[in-house]
Amino acid sequence: MAAKYDPNELTPEKRFQRIASILGAGLVRLSKRKRLLKDSEQQSEKSPPITGDSADGRLESSSESGLTVQDG
């Protein structure tokens, strides 16, 4: 990203304001990232665990019936 301001032309006060603005934007991004991570972890705690032998995830209606696919 190209700088909008030439640092050599900024007064000390403007330079301080620019640095504070950059640091503030970084803190906002960090806060959002932490919130998203926390929300993601809470969502995964609410979701049922995925297992390889889950009856709810099967396509067939019972364990006695099986799905068959004919080629051709």
Protein backbone atom coordinates (compact mmCIF):
# COMPACT_ATOMS: atom_id res chain seq x y z
CA MET A 1 0.00 0.00 0.00
CA ALA A 2 1.42 3.36 -0.99
CA ALA A 3 1.71 6.08 1.63
CA LYS A 4 -0.62 9.05 1.21
CA TYR A 5 1.73 11.29 3.15
CA ASP A 6 5.42 11.94 2.81
CA PRO A 7 6.78 11.36 6.34
CA ASN A 8 9.40 14.04 5.74
CA GLU A 9 6.68 16.66 5.25
CA LEU A 10 4.64 15.80 8.35
CA THR A 11 4.86 17.94 11.45
CA PRO A 12 5.58 16.06 14.68
CA GLU A 13 1.93 16.48 15.69
CA LYS A 14 0.64 15.13 12.35
CA ARG A 15 3.14 12.27 12.49
CA PHE A 16 1.90 11.38 16.00
CA GLN A 17 -1.72 11.46 14.74
CA ARG A 18 -0.83 9.21 11.80
CA ILE A 19 0.93 6.69 14.05
CA ALA A 20 -2.00 6.70 16.50
CA SER A 21 -4.40 6.14 13.59
CA ILE A 22 -2.39 3.18 12.28
CA LEU A 23 -2.08 1.62 15.74
CA GLY A 24 -5.79 2.16 16.40
CA ALA A 25 -6.74 0.45 13.13
CA GLY A 26 -4.49 -2.48 14.06
CA LEU A 27 -6.15 -2.81 17.46
CA VAL A 28 -9.61 -2.80 15.86
CA ARG A 29 -8.54 -5.56 13.45
CA LEU A 30 -7.05 -7.60 16.30
CA SER A 31 -10.24 -7.22 18.32
CA LYS A 32 -12.38 -8.35 15.38
CA ARG A 33 -10.11 -11.34 14.76
CA LYS A 34 -10.32 -12.41 18.41
CA ARG A 35 -14.11 -12.02 18.37
CA LEU A 36 -14.40 -14.12 15.20
CA LEU A 37 -12.18 -16.82 16.69
CA LYS A 38 -14.20 -16.85 19.91
CA ASP A 39 -17.50 -17.06 17.97
CA SER A 40 -16.08 -19.89 15.86
CA GLU A 41 -15.01 -21.85 18.96
CA GLN A 42 -18.41 -21.35 20.59
CA GLN A 43 -20.16 -22.53 17.42
CA SER A 44 -18.05 -25.70 17.27
CA GLU A 45 -18.88 -26.45 20.91
CA LYS A 46 -22.60 -26.29 20.08
CA SER A 47 -22.31 -28.53 17.02
CA PRO A 48 -22.58 -32.28 17.54
CA PRO A 49 -19.35 -34.14 16.95
CA ILE A 50 -18.91 -35.70 13.54
CA THR A 51 -18.31 -39.44 13.69
CA GLY A 52 -17.79 -41.98 10.98
CA ASP A 53 -20.69 -44.17 12.16
CA SER A 54 -23.40 -41.62 12.86
CA ALA A 55 -26.87 -43.00 12.11
CA ASP A 56 -28.23 -39.48 11.63
CA GLY A 57 -25.82 -38.84 8.78
CA ARG A 58 -26.70 -41.97 6.81
CA LEU A 59 -28.64 -41.84 3.58
CA GLU A 60 -30.49 -45.10 4.13
CA SER A 61 -33.54 -45.20 6.38
CA SER A 62 -32.37 -48.11 8.52
CA SER A 63 -29.28 -50.20 9.03
CA GLU A 64 -31.04 -53.17 7.35
CA SER A 65 -31.62 -51.48 4.01
CA GLY A 66 -28.67 -50.70 1.80
CA LEU A 67 -28.18 -48.39 -1.10
CA THR A 68 -27.22 -49.92 -4.41
CA VAL A 69 -25.97 -48.19 -7.52
CA GLN A 70 -26.01 -49.88 -10.90
CA ASP A 71 -23.48 -48.83 -13.47
CA GLY A 72 -24.89 -48.28 -16.95
